[in-house]
Structure formats: structure tokens, C-alpha cells
Amino acid sequence: MKKKIIYVCASMAGLFIFLNWFCPVKRFLGVICPTCGMSRALISLLRLDVGGYFHYNAMALPMAAVLLLGMFYSKISDKLMKRISLLMIILVCAVNLVYYIGRCRHLI
């Protein structure tokens, strides 16, 4: 069941990226979300366009790393590593929130 959800989410994300569909949060609510521009930023980075990466969302790479860490969090058996991983997840999410607030203030 869990794999099926991951496949569906990955497929939808792929469609949004490759077909240039709209961002549902921005389209329906009219505001950017904390992860707005992450797909475009990561695609820019894959194209070696560092300027484009920072233009779209400078927190895309740390958030992607935290997403991967979160996916494998239950597989970590060492207590110290588990605490460090959780601390990293919380820290990156907190920094992303501050970055998001800064981006929103810039848009006003």
C-alpha cells in the first residue's frame, strides 16, 4: 500500500514537471507555498543552471535531502543517528519556514 502511494505521488509529480502543469496551491489559494519552485529549482540544478536554482527556490536541495531522510527514517536503527536525523529534519524545515516568510515579504 505504501509503495502504491509513493508511485502515485511520483507519477503526479512527474506529470506536473514534464507537462508544465500549474501549481495547485498557487492556482486555487492564490499564494505560494513553502515548497513553491522546488521542482523548477531542481530541474535548473540538473541543467547546471545554478542561478536558476537560486532564483526558483534555494531550499530545494536541503528539502529534497530531508524528504529522502524522512522516507528512510524508520530504517535507522541506531538511537543517536535517529535523533540526529530528526534534528536535521526539524532544522531544515524551520530554516525553510524562515526562508518562505522572507520570500513572502519580498512579494508584498
Protein backbone atom coordinates (compact mmCIF):
# COMPACT_ATOMS: atom_id res chain seq x y z
CA MET A 1 0.00 0.00 0.00
CA LYS A 2 2.80 2.41 0.94
CA LYS A 3 4.65 1.72 -2.32
CA LYS A 4 1.46 2.32 -4.28
CA ILE A 5 1.04 5.77 -2.69
CA ILE A 6 4.67 6.65 -3.46
CA TYR A 7 4.25 5.56 -7.09
CA VAL A 8 1.08 7.62 -7.49
CA CYS A 9 2.69 10.71 -5.93
CA ALA A 10 5.83 10.31 -8.05
CA SER A 11 3.73 9.88 -11.19
CA MET A 12 1.70 13.00 -10.43
CA ALA A 13 4.86 14.97 -9.70
CA GLY A 14 6.36 13.79 -12.98
CA LEU A 15 3.27 14.89 -14.87
CA PHE A 16 3.33 18.30 -13.22
CA ILE A 17 7.04 18.72 -14.04
CA PHE A 18 7.15 17.44 -17.60
CA LEU A 19 3.78 18.75 -18.79
CA ASN A 20 4.29 22.16 -17.12
CA TRP A 21 1.01 21.93 -15.24
CA PHE A 22 0.08 24.54 -12.70
CA CYS A 23 0.83 24.56 -9.01
CA PRO A 24 -2.48 23.66 -7.30
CA VAL A 25 -1.76 25.68 -4.14
CA LYS A 26 -0.90 28.84 -6.06
CA ARG A 27 -3.74 28.32 -8.54
CA PHE A 28 -6.54 27.72 -6.04
CA LEU A 29 -5.39 29.71 -2.99
CA GLY A 30 -3.50 32.48 -4.77
CA VAL A 31 -0.41 32.26 -2.56
CA ILE A 32 2.90 30.46 -2.89
CA CYS A 33 3.57 27.52 -0.60
CA PRO A 34 6.83 26.90 1.32
CA THR A 35 7.95 24.44 -1.37
CA CYS A 36 6.97 26.62 -4.34
CA GLY A 37 9.58 26.43 -7.08
CA MET A 38 11.32 23.31 -5.76
CA SER A 39 10.72 21.26 -8.91
CA ARG A 40 11.89 24.08 -11.18
CA ALA A 41 14.90 24.67 -8.93
CA LEU A 42 15.95 21.03 -9.00
CA ILE A 43 15.47 20.86 -12.77
CA SER A 44 17.62 24.00 -13.11
CA LEU A 45 20.29 22.38 -10.97
CA LEU A 46 20.21 19.24 -13.13
CA ARG A 47 20.77 21.52 -16.13
CA LEU A 48 23.73 23.08 -14.25
CA ASP A 49 21.91 26.43 -14.08
CA VAL A 50 22.90 27.46 -10.55
CA GLY A 51 21.45 30.96 -10.97
CA GLY A 52 18.08 29.47 -11.93
CA TYR A 53 18.25 27.16 -8.93
CA PHE A 54 18.65 30.07 -6.51
CA HIS A 55 16.03 32.10 -8.38
CA TYR A 56 13.32 29.46 -8.02
CA ASN A 57 13.95 28.10 -4.50
CA ALA A 58 17.30 27.97 -2.72
CA MET A 59 15.97 25.45 -0.18
CA ALA A 60 15.08 22.83 -2.80
CA LEU A 61 18.16 20.65 -2.33
CA PRO A 62 18.09 20.59 1.50
CA MET A 63 14.33 19.90 1.44
CA ALA A 64 14.80 17.06 -1.06
CA ALA A 65 17.52 15.58 1.17
CA VAL A 66 15.23 15.82 4.20
CA LEU A 67 12.43 14.18 2.22
CA LEU A 68 14.70 11.24 1.44
CA LEU A 69 15.88 11.11 5.04
CA GLY A 70 12.28 11.10 6.22
CA MET A 71 11.41 8.27 3.86
CA PHE A 72 14.15 6.07 5.33
CA TYR A 73 13.83 7.33 8.93
CA SER A 74 12.12 4.15 10.13
CA LYS A 75 15.01 2.06 8.76
CA ILE A 76 17.57 3.77 11.02
CA SER A 77 18.28 1.51 13.98
CA ASP A 78 20.92 3.46 15.94
CA LYS A 79 19.29 5.74 18.56
CA LEU A 80 21.89 8.52 18.20
CA MET A 81 21.59 8.55 14.41
CA LYS A 82 17.81 8.59 14.71
CA ARG A 83 17.94 11.65 16.98
CA ILE A 84 20.44 13.41 14.71
CA SER A 85 18.23 12.65 11.69
CA LEU A 86 15.14 14.00 13.43
CA LEU A 87 17.06 17.12 14.47
CA MET A 88 18.20 17.65 10.86
CA ILE A 89 14.63 17.27 9.59
CA ILE A 90 13.32 19.81 12.12
CA LEU A 91 16.18 22.23 11.47
CA VAL A 92 15.84 22.20 7.68
CA CYS A 93 12.05 22.58 7.92
CA ALA A 94 12.49 25.53 10.32
CA VAL A 95 15.03 27.20 8.02
CA ASN A 96 12.67 26.61 5.09
CA LEU A 97 9.87 28.32 7.03
CA VAL A 98 12.06 31.37 7.67
CA TYR A 99 13.11 31.39 4.01
CA TYR A 100 9.42 31.17 2.99
CA ILE A 101 8.47 34.12 5.19
CA GLY A 102 11.31 36.11 3.62
CA ARG A 103 10.08 35.23 0.14
CA CYS A 104 6.53 36.23 1.02
CA ARG A 105 7.68 39.59 2.42
CA HIS A 106 9.58 40.18 -0.81
CA LEU A 107 6.40 39.60 -2.85
CA ILE A 108 4.34 42.13 -0.88
